[in-house]
Amino acid sequence: MEDLSFYLGVIGNVISVLVFLSPARTFWRILKHKSTENFESLPYICTLLNSSLWTYYGIIRPGEYLVATVNGFGALVEAVYVILFLIYAPSKQIRDRTAVLVGILDVGFLATAILVTRLALQGELRTIALGFICAGLNVVTYASPLSAMKTVVTTKSVEYMPFLLSFFLFLNGGIWALYALLVGDIFLGVPNGAGFVLGAAQLVLYAMYRNGKPSKTAGNALEEGTRQEPLLVSSS
């Protein structure tokens, strides 16, 4: 059983790396145009926080080194994405807003969570408190594609919901949920189980509307939405 959980964790790491790297095309576009255009920085700022907290969780919980390593990688990738937003924001106002969000979430909230759990809590209680924080953030992260699903139903088209991202999120949630079941980690299992269900729902919608074409009116109304990346899902 231990060997099976290890192999599942390795598979989960590979899938998670693909998820973390999935926006690479978007950021190549940003580098090419030297502007973040209408893309939103908040999903990447939140994913950086999520990955950083899961890295810490994987470090303090015995036997969760697979969680720590892949989320450490994810935190580095997300940090690069956020830095690109700070460099190529199209206006000072957007750059300042991004910097404030980074300061509040990725520095302030992260530092507070680490310090409080390190100084005020001990042993299992520390792991439980951090697990609740990580699981809560992950549920919010996994719920973010709901807006894309609404768009699919509204436009009768999957143009605004990339198949590969939905597919990898489905696999990511399923693999990590099974891994969590084998190692007995409820904080890992609940959000990823929810992610698996939401990912399955996205694939069902994709099958239903894969041949649909959005109307011109709907396409114009949702043009801004095509540049709003969904929150990336941490691997745990």
C-alpha atoms as a PDB file:
ATOM      1  CA  MET A   1       0.000   0.000   0.000  1.00  0.00           C
ATOM      2  CA  GLU A   2       2.883   2.335   0.816  1.00  0.00           C
ATOM      3  CA  ASP A   3       4.497   1.637  -2.559  1.00  0.00           C
ATOM      4  CA  LEU A   4       1.191   2.336  -4.311  1.00  0.00           C
ATOM      5  CA  SER A   5       0.792   5.690  -2.552  1.00  0.00           C
ATOM      6  CA  PHE A   6       4.356   6.614  -3.523  1.00  0.00           C
ATOM      7  CA  TYR A   7       3.788   5.829  -7.204  1.00  0.00           C
ATOM      8  CA  LEU A   8       0.494   7.702  -7.175  1.00  0.00           C
ATOM      9  CA  GLY A   9       2.289  10.656  -5.612  1.00  0.00           C
ATOM     10  CA  VAL A  10       4.913  10.591  -8.351  1.00  0.00           C
ATOM     11  CA  ILE A  11       2.199  10.475 -11.048  1.00  0.00           C
ATOM     12  CA  GLY A  12       0.426  13.315  -9.256  1.00  0.00           C
ATOM     13  CA  ASN A  13       3.638  15.340  -9.267  1.00  0.00           C
ATOM     14  CA  VAL A  14       4.027  14.916 -13.027  1.00  0.00           C
ATOM     15  CA  ILE A  15       0.436  15.995 -13.674  1.00  0.00           C
ATOM     16  CA  SER A  16       0.770  18.909 -11.267  1.00  0.00           C
ATOM     17  CA  VAL A  17       3.891  20.135 -13.042  1.00  0.00           C
ATOM     18  CA  LEU A  18       1.915  20.147 -16.302  1.00  0.00           C
ATOM     19  CA  VAL A  19      -0.853  22.142 -14.603  1.00  0.00           C
ATOM     20  CA  PHE A  20       1.621  24.676 -13.224  1.00  0.00           C
ATOM     21  CA  LEU A  21       3.219  25.066 -16.650  1.00  0.00           C
ATOM     22  CA  SER A  22      -0.090  25.243 -18.539  1.00  0.00           C
ATOM     23  CA  PRO A  23      -0.138  29.097 -18.654  1.00  0.00           C
ATOM     24  CA  ALA A  24       3.322  29.174 -20.311  1.00  0.00           C
ATOM     25  CA  ARG A  25       1.728  30.100 -23.632  1.00  0.00           C
ATOM     26  CA  THR A  26       0.004  33.067 -22.004  1.00  0.00           C
ATOM     27  CA  PHE A  27       3.263  34.321 -20.544  1.00  0.00           C
ATOM     28  CA  TRP A  28       5.118  33.844 -23.802  1.00  0.00           C
ATOM     29  CA  ARG A  29       2.518  36.172 -25.279  1.00  0.00           C
ATOM     30  CA  ILE A  30       3.126  38.653 -22.450  1.00  0.00           C
ATOM     31  CA  LEU A  31       6.886  38.562 -23.062  1.00  0.00           C
ATOM     32  CA  LYS A  32       6.385  38.946 -26.791  1.00  0.00           C
ATOM     33  CA  HIS A  33       4.042  41.940 -26.460  1.00  0.00           C
ATOM     34  CA  LYS A  34       5.789  43.297 -23.340  1.00  0.00           C
ATOM     35  CA  SER A  35       2.362  43.826 -21.773  1.00  0.00           C
ATOM     36  CA  THR A  36       0.003  41.815 -19.596  1.00  0.00           C
ATOM     37  CA  GLU A  37      -2.879  43.376 -21.575  1.00  0.00           C
ATOM     38  CA  ASN A  38      -6.193  42.408 -19.930  1.00  0.00           C
ATOM     39  CA  PHE A  39      -4.929  39.297 -18.166  1.00  0.00           C
ATOM     40  CA  GLU A  40      -5.600  39.230 -14.429  1.00  0.00           C
ATOM     41  CA  SER A  41      -2.797  38.757 -11.901  1.00  0.00           C
ATOM     42  CA  LEU A  42      -5.017  37.607  -9.008  1.00  0.00           C
ATOM     43  CA  PRO A  43      -5.222  33.917 -10.051  1.00  0.00           C
ATOM     44  CA  TYR A  44      -1.423  33.653 -10.056  1.00  0.00           C
ATOM     45  CA  ILE A  45      -1.049  35.582  -6.808  1.00  0.00           C
ATOM     46  CA  CYS A  46      -3.535  33.229  -5.125  1.00  0.00           C
ATOM     47  CA  THR A  47      -1.882  30.142  -6.585  1.00  0.00           C
ATOM     48  CA  LEU A  48       1.514  31.359  -5.340  1.00  0.00           C
ATOM     49  CA  LEU A  49       0.050  31.640  -1.830  1.00  0.00           C
ATOM     50  CA  ASN A  50      -1.626  28.235  -2.148  1.00  0.00           C
ATOM     51  CA  SER A  51       1.535  26.502  -3.359  1.00  0.00           C
ATOM     52  CA  SER A  52       3.681  28.157  -0.676  1.00  0.00           C
ATOM     53  CA  LEU A  53       1.359  27.041   2.118  1.00  0.00           C
ATOM     54  CA  TRP A  54       1.168  23.478   0.776  1.00  0.00           C
ATOM     55  CA  THR A  55       4.959  23.424   0.578  1.00  0.00           C
ATOM     56  CA  TYR A  56       5.127  24.352   4.264  1.00  0.00           C
ATOM     57  CA  TYR A  57       2.440  21.767   5.073  1.00  0.00           C
ATOM     58  CA  GLY A  58       4.412  19.076   3.242  1.00  0.00           C
ATOM     59  CA  ILE A  59       7.530  20.015   5.210  1.00  0.00           C
ATOM     60  CA  ILE A  60       5.978  19.863   8.683  1.00  0.00           C
ATOM     61  CA  ARG A  61       3.809  16.771   8.116  1.00  0.00           C
ATOM     62  CA  PRO A  62       5.840  13.551   8.263  1.00  0.00           C
ATOM     63  CA  GLY A  63       5.989  11.560   5.024  1.00  0.00           C
ATOM     64  CA  GLU A  64       4.531  14.310   2.789  1.00  0.00           C
ATOM     65  CA  TYR A  65       7.734  15.168   0.940  1.00  0.00           C
ATOM     66  CA  LEU A  66       6.038  14.581  -2.434  1.00  0.00           C
ATOM     67  CA  VAL A  67       3.546  17.321  -1.571  1.00  0.00           C
ATOM     68  CA  ALA A  68       6.355  19.641  -0.482  1.00  0.00           C
ATOM     69  CA  THR A  69       8.545  19.137  -3.560  1.00  0.00           C
ATOM     70  CA  VAL A  70       5.930  19.643  -6.262  1.00  0.00           C
ATOM     71  CA  ASN A  71       4.384  22.637  -4.532  1.00  0.00           C
ATOM     72  CA  GLY A  72       7.846  24.100  -4.014  1.00  0.00           C
ATOM     73  CA  PHE A  73       8.278  23.866  -7.776  1.00  0.00           C
ATOM     74  CA  GLY A  74       4.843  25.388  -8.263  1.00  0.00           C
ATOM     75  CA  ALA A  75       5.673  28.283  -5.941  1.00  0.00           C
ATOM     76  CA  LEU A  76       8.794  29.062  -7.979  1.00  0.00           C
ATOM     77  CA  VAL A  77       6.859  28.973 -11.259  1.00  0.00           C
ATOM     78  CA  GLU A  78       4.064  31.160  -9.878  1.00  0.00           C
ATOM     79  CA  ALA A  79       6.624  33.615  -8.493  1.00  0.00           C
ATOM     80  CA  VAL A  80       8.032  34.003 -12.019  1.00  0.00           C
ATOM     81  CA  TYR A  81       4.513  34.594 -13.377  1.00  0.00           C
ATOM     82  CA  VAL A  82       3.812  37.250 -10.721  1.00  0.00           C
ATOM     83  CA  ILE A  83       7.133  38.997 -11.369  1.00  0.00           C
ATOM     84  CA  LEU A  84       6.244  39.211 -15.065  1.00  0.00           C
ATOM     85  CA  PHE A  85       2.977  40.887 -14.100  1.00  0.00           C
ATOM     86  CA  LEU A  86       4.882  43.415 -12.023  1.00  0.00           C
ATOM     87  CA  ILE A  87       7.271  44.122 -14.903  1.00  0.00           C
ATOM     88  CA  TYR A  88       4.837  44.219 -17.821  1.00  0.00           C
ATOM     89  CA  ALA A  89       1.665  45.659 -16.266  1.00  0.00           C
ATOM     90  CA  PRO A  90       0.223  48.113 -18.836  1.00  0.00           C
ATOM     91  CA  SER A  91      -0.156  50.948 -16.306  1.00  0.00           C
ATOM     92  CA  LYS A  92       1.280  52.112 -12.992  1.00  0.00           C
ATOM     93  CA  GLN A  93      -2.129  51.725 -11.382  1.00  0.00           C
ATOM     94  CA  ILE A  94      -2.339  48.041 -12.300  1.00  0.00           C
ATOM     95  CA  ARG A  95       1.283  47.483 -11.272  1.00  0.00           C
ATOM     96  CA  ASP A  96       0.680  49.128  -7.893  1.00  0.00           C
ATOM     97  CA  ARG A  97      -2.511  47.105  -7.345  1.00  0.00           C
ATOM     98  CA  THR A  98      -0.633  43.894  -8.152  1.00  0.00           C
ATOM     99  CA  ALA A  99       2.181  44.841  -5.780  1.00  0.00           C
ATOM    100  CA  VAL A 100      -0.332  45.531  -2.980  1.00  0.00           C
ATOM    101  CA  LEU A 101      -2.016  42.153  -3.483  1.00  0.00           C
ATOM    102  CA  VAL A 102       1.356  40.396  -3.468  1.00  0.00           C
ATOM    103  CA  GLY A 103       2.276  42.204  -0.261  1.00  0.00           C
ATOM    104  CA  ILE A 104      -0.995  41.347   1.466  1.00  0.00           C
ATOM    105  CA  LEU A 105      -1.406  37.732   0.330  1.00  0.00           C
ATOM    106  CA  ASP A 106       1.983  36.308  -0.642  1.00  0.00           C
ATOM    107  CA  VAL A 107       3.989  38.126   2.018  1.00  0.00           C
ATOM    108  CA  GLY A 108       1.668  39.241   4.820  1.00  0.00           C
ATOM    109  CA  PHE A 109      -0.815  36.354   4.958  1.00  0.00           C
ATOM    110  CA  LEU A 110       1.841  33.709   4.275  1.00  0.00           C
ATOM    111  CA  ALA A 111       4.204  35.076   6.927  1.00  0.00           C
ATOM    112  CA  THR A 112       1.375  35.352   9.469  1.00  0.00           C
ATOM    113  CA  ALA A 113       0.225  31.774   8.840  1.00  0.00           C
ATOM    114  CA  ILE A 114       3.759  30.425   9.223  1.00  0.00           C
ATOM    115  CA  LEU A 115       4.593  32.483  12.328  1.00  0.00           C
ATOM    116  CA  VAL A 116       1.318  31.733  14.113  1.00  0.00           C
ATOM    117  CA  THR A 117       1.520  27.997  13.457  1.00  0.00           C
ATOM    118  CA  ARG A 118       5.209  27.940  14.398  1.00  0.00           C
ATOM    119  CA  LEU A 119       5.022  30.024  17.566  1.00  0.00           C
ATOM    120  CA  ALA A 120       1.518  29.468  18.934  1.00  0.00           C
ATOM    121  CA  LEU A 121       0.885  25.847  18.013  1.00  0.00           C
ATOM    122  CA  GLN A 122       2.775  22.631  18.525  1.00  0.00           C
ATOM    123  CA  GLY A 123       2.837  19.118  17.068  1.00  0.00           C
ATOM    124  CA  GLU A 124      -0.356  17.717  15.600  1.00  0.00           C
ATOM    125  CA  LEU A 125      -2.330  20.880  16.367  1.00  0.00           C
ATOM    126  CA  ARG A 126       0.002  22.870  14.126  1.00  0.00           C
ATOM    127  CA  THR A 127      -0.512  20.431  11.244  1.00  0.00           C
ATOM    128  CA  ILE A 128      -4.298  20.451  11.719  1.00  0.00           C
ATOM    129  CA  ALA A 129      -4.517  24.263  11.720  1.00  0.00           C
ATOM    130  CA  LEU A 130      -2.371  24.572   8.617  1.00  0.00           C
ATOM    131  CA  GLY A 131      -4.304  21.751   6.962  1.00  0.00           C
ATOM    132  CA  PHE A 132      -7.577  23.642   7.423  1.00  0.00           C
ATOM    133  CA  ILE A 133      -6.055  26.772   5.884  1.00  0.00           C
ATOM    134  CA  CYS A 134      -4.618  24.880   2.900  1.00  0.00           C
ATOM    135  CA  ALA A 135      -7.787  22.867   2.310  1.00  0.00           C
ATOM    136  CA  GLY A 136      -9.942  26.009   2.445  1.00  0.00           C
ATOM    137  CA  LEU A 137      -7.756  27.789  -0.110  1.00  0.00           C
ATOM    138  CA  ASN A 138      -7.753  24.728  -2.336  1.00  0.00           C
ATOM    139  CA  VAL A 139     -11.554  24.484  -2.326  1.00  0.00           C
ATOM    140  CA  VAL A 140     -11.743  28.126  -3.435  1.00  0.00           C
ATOM    141  CA  THR A 141      -9.122  27.423  -6.099  1.00  0.00           C
ATOM    142  CA  TYR A 142     -10.958  24.386  -7.435  1.00  0.00           C
ATOM    143  CA  ALA A 143     -14.255  26.312  -7.459  1.00  0.00           C
ATOM    144  CA  SER A 144     -12.825  29.052  -9.686  1.00  0.00           C
ATOM    145  CA  PRO A 145     -13.645  27.232 -12.979  1.00  0.00           C
ATOM    146  CA  LEU A 146     -17.349  27.510 -12.132  1.00  0.00           C
ATOM    147  CA  SER A 147     -17.407  30.873 -13.918  1.00  0.00           C
ATOM    148  CA  ALA A 148     -15.944  29.228 -17.032  1.00  0.00           C
ATOM    149  CA  MET A 149     -18.574  26.492 -16.815  1.00  0.00           C
ATOM    150  CA  LYS A 150     -21.305  29.130 -16.638  1.00  0.00           C
ATOM    151  CA  THR A 151     -19.820  30.758 -19.736  1.00  0.00           C
ATOM    152  CA  VAL A 152     -19.918  27.437 -21.594  1.00  0.00           C
ATOM    153  CA  VAL A 153     -23.608  26.948 -20.788  1.00  0.00           C
ATOM    154  CA  THR A 154     -24.422  30.568 -21.691  1.00  0.00           C
ATOM    155  CA  THR A 155     -22.613  30.570 -25.042  1.00  0.00           C
ATOM    156  CA  LYS A 156     -23.198  26.902 -25.916  1.00  0.00           C
ATOM    157  CA  SER A 157     -19.499  26.720 -26.732  1.00  0.00           C
ATOM    158  CA  VAL A 158     -16.312  25.457 -25.046  1.00  0.00           C
ATOM    159  CA  GLU A 159     -14.212  28.236 -26.582  1.00  0.00           C
ATOM    160  CA  TYR A 160     -13.774  29.780 -23.131  1.00  0.00           C
ATOM    161  CA  MET A 161     -12.852  26.525 -21.361  1.00  0.00           C
ATOM    162  CA  PRO A 162      -9.622  24.943 -22.698  1.00  0.00           C
ATOM    163  CA  PHE A 163      -9.906  21.155 -22.845  1.00  0.00           C
ATOM    164  CA  LEU A 164      -6.346  20.320 -21.766  1.00  0.00           C
ATOM    165  CA  LEU A 165      -6.528  22.473 -18.659  1.00  0.00           C
ATOM    166  CA  SER A 166      -9.875  20.910 -17.680  1.00  0.00           C
ATOM    167  CA  PHE A 167      -8.507  17.428 -18.367  1.00  0.00           C
ATOM    168  CA  PHE A 168      -5.341  17.936 -16.323  1.00  0.00           C
ATOM    169  CA  LEU A 169      -7.319  19.461 -13.436  1.00  0.00           C
ATOM    170  CA  PHE A 170      -9.600  16.407 -13.515  1.00  0.00           C
ATOM    171  CA  LEU A 171      -6.618  14.039 -13.404  1.00  0.00           C
ATOM    172  CA  ASN A 172      -4.865  16.173 -10.790  1.00  0.00           C
ATOM    173  CA  GLY A 173      -7.833  16.093  -8.423  1.00  0.00           C
ATOM    174  CA  GLY A 174      -8.428  12.374  -8.912  1.00  0.00           C
ATOM    175  CA  ILE A 175      -4.825  11.262  -8.408  1.00  0.00           C
ATOM    176  CA  TRP A 176      -4.266  13.416  -5.316  1.00  0.00           C
ATOM    177  CA  ALA A 177      -7.624  12.423  -3.824  1.00  0.00           C
ATOM    178  CA  LEU A 178      -6.684   8.739  -4.181  1.00  0.00           C
ATOM    179  CA  TYR A 179      -3.214   9.433  -2.774  1.00  0.00           C
ATOM    180  CA  ALA A 180      -4.800  11.215   0.205  1.00  0.00           C
ATOM    181  CA  LEU A 181      -7.103   8.248   0.794  1.00  0.00           C
ATOM    182  CA  LEU A 182      -4.151   5.847   0.878  1.00  0.00           C
ATOM    183  CA  VAL A 183      -2.052   7.962   3.270  1.00  0.00           C
ATOM    184  CA  GLY A 184      -5.043   8.985   5.400  1.00  0.00           C
ATOM    185  CA  ASP A 185      -4.791  12.748   4.840  1.00  0.00           C
ATOM    186  CA  ILE A 186      -8.255  14.331   4.996  1.00  0.00           C
ATOM    187  CA  PHE A 187      -6.935  17.834   4.332  1.00  0.00           C
ATOM    188  CA  LEU A 188      -5.461  16.630   1.077  1.00  0.00           C
ATOM    189  CA  GLY A 189      -8.438  14.465   0.186  1.00  0.00           C
ATOM    190  CA  VAL A 190     -11.455  16.749   0.611  1.00  0.00           C
ATOM    191  CA  PRO A 191     -10.417  19.614  -1.721  1.00  0.00           C
ATOM    192  CA  ASN A 192      -8.980  17.277  -4.332  1.00  0.00           C
ATOM    193  CA  GLY A 193     -12.090  15.103  -4.206  1.00  0.00           C
ATOM    194  CA  ALA A 194     -14.112  18.241  -4.893  1.00  0.00           C
ATOM    195  CA  GLY A 195     -11.708  19.129  -7.683  1.00  0.00           C
ATOM    196  CA  PHE A 196     -12.148  15.692  -9.237  1.00  0.00           C
ATOM    197  CA  VAL A 197     -15.932  16.113  -9.281  1.00  0.00           C
ATOM    198  CA  LEU A 198     -15.724  19.632 -10.745  1.00  0.00           C
ATOM    199  CA  GLY A 199     -13.197  18.461 -13.325  1.00  0.00           C
ATOM    200  CA  ALA A 200     -15.529  15.635 -14.348  1.00  0.00           C
ATOM    201  CA  ALA A 201     -18.358  18.156 -14.697  1.00  0.00           C
ATOM    202  CA  GLN A 202     -16.195  20.311 -16.966  1.00  0.00           C
ATOM    203  CA  LEU A 203     -15.408  17.328 -19.191  1.00  0.00           C
ATOM    204  CA  VAL A 204     -19.114  16.478 -19.415  1.00  0.00           C
ATOM    205  CA  LEU A 205     -19.835  20.050 -20.501  1.00  0.00           C
ATOM    206  CA  TYR A 206     -17.020  19.827 -23.018  1.00  0.00           C
ATOM    207  CA  ALA A 207     -18.541  16.674 -24.510  1.00  0.00           C
ATOM    208  CA  MET A 208     -21.961  18.347 -24.689  1.00  0.00           C
ATOM    209  CA  TYR A 209     -20.850  21.611 -26.303  1.00  0.00           C
ATOM    210  CA  ARG A 210     -17.623  20.724 -28.122  1.00  0.00           C
ATOM    211  CA  ASN A 211     -19.170  21.381 -31.537  1.00  0.00           C
ATOM    212  CA  GLY A 212     -21.003  24.533 -30.540  1.00  0.00           C
ATOM    213  CA  LYS A 213     -20.089  27.991 -31.783  1.00  0.00           C
ATOM    214  CA  PRO A 214     -20.816  31.061 -29.674  1.00  0.00           C
ATOM    215  CA  SER A 215     -23.111  33.684 -31.121  1.00  0.00           C
ATOM    216  CA  LYS A 216     -21.558  36.993 -32.095  1.00  0.00           C
ATOM    217  CA  THR A 217     -23.476  38.751 -29.330  1.00  0.00           C
ATOM    218  CA  ALA A 218     -22.328  36.333 -26.660  1.00  0.00           C
ATOM    219  CA  GLY A 219     -18.777  36.420 -27.971  1.00  0.00           C
ATOM    220  CA  ASN A 220     -18.643  40.216 -27.788  1.00  0.00           C
ATOM    221  CA  ALA A 221     -20.139  40.293 -24.328  1.00  0.00           C
ATOM    222  CA  LEU A 222     -17.602  37.793 -23.036  1.00  0.00           C
ATOM    223  CA  GLU A 223     -14.560  39.019 -24.917  1.00  0.00           C
ATOM    224  CA  GLU A 224     -12.913  40.153 -21.715  1.00  0.00           C
ATOM    225  CA  GLY A 225     -13.472  36.705 -20.222  1.00  0.00           C
ATOM    226  CA  THR A 226     -11.221  35.093 -22.814  1.00  0.00           C
ATOM    227  CA  ARG A 227      -8.283  36.846 -21.168  1.00  0.00           C
ATOM    228  CA  GLN A 228      -9.146  35.904 -17.618  1.00  0.00           C
ATOM    229  CA  GLU A 229      -7.183  32.788 -16.746  1.00  0.00           C
ATOM    230  CA  PRO A 230      -8.820  30.469 -14.206  1.00  0.00           C
ATOM    231  CA  LEU A 231      -7.103  29.961 -10.886  1.00  0.00           C
ATOM    232  CA  LEU A 232      -4.483  27.317 -11.215  1.00  0.00           C
ATOM    233  CA  VAL A 233      -4.898  24.387  -8.932  1.00  0.00           C
ATOM    234  CA  SER A 234      -2.217  23.399  -6.525  1.00  0.00           C
ATOM    235  CA  SER A 235      -1.167  19.803  -6.657  1.00  0.00           C
ATOM    236  CA  SER A 236      -2.461  19.097  -3.209  1.00  0.00           C
END
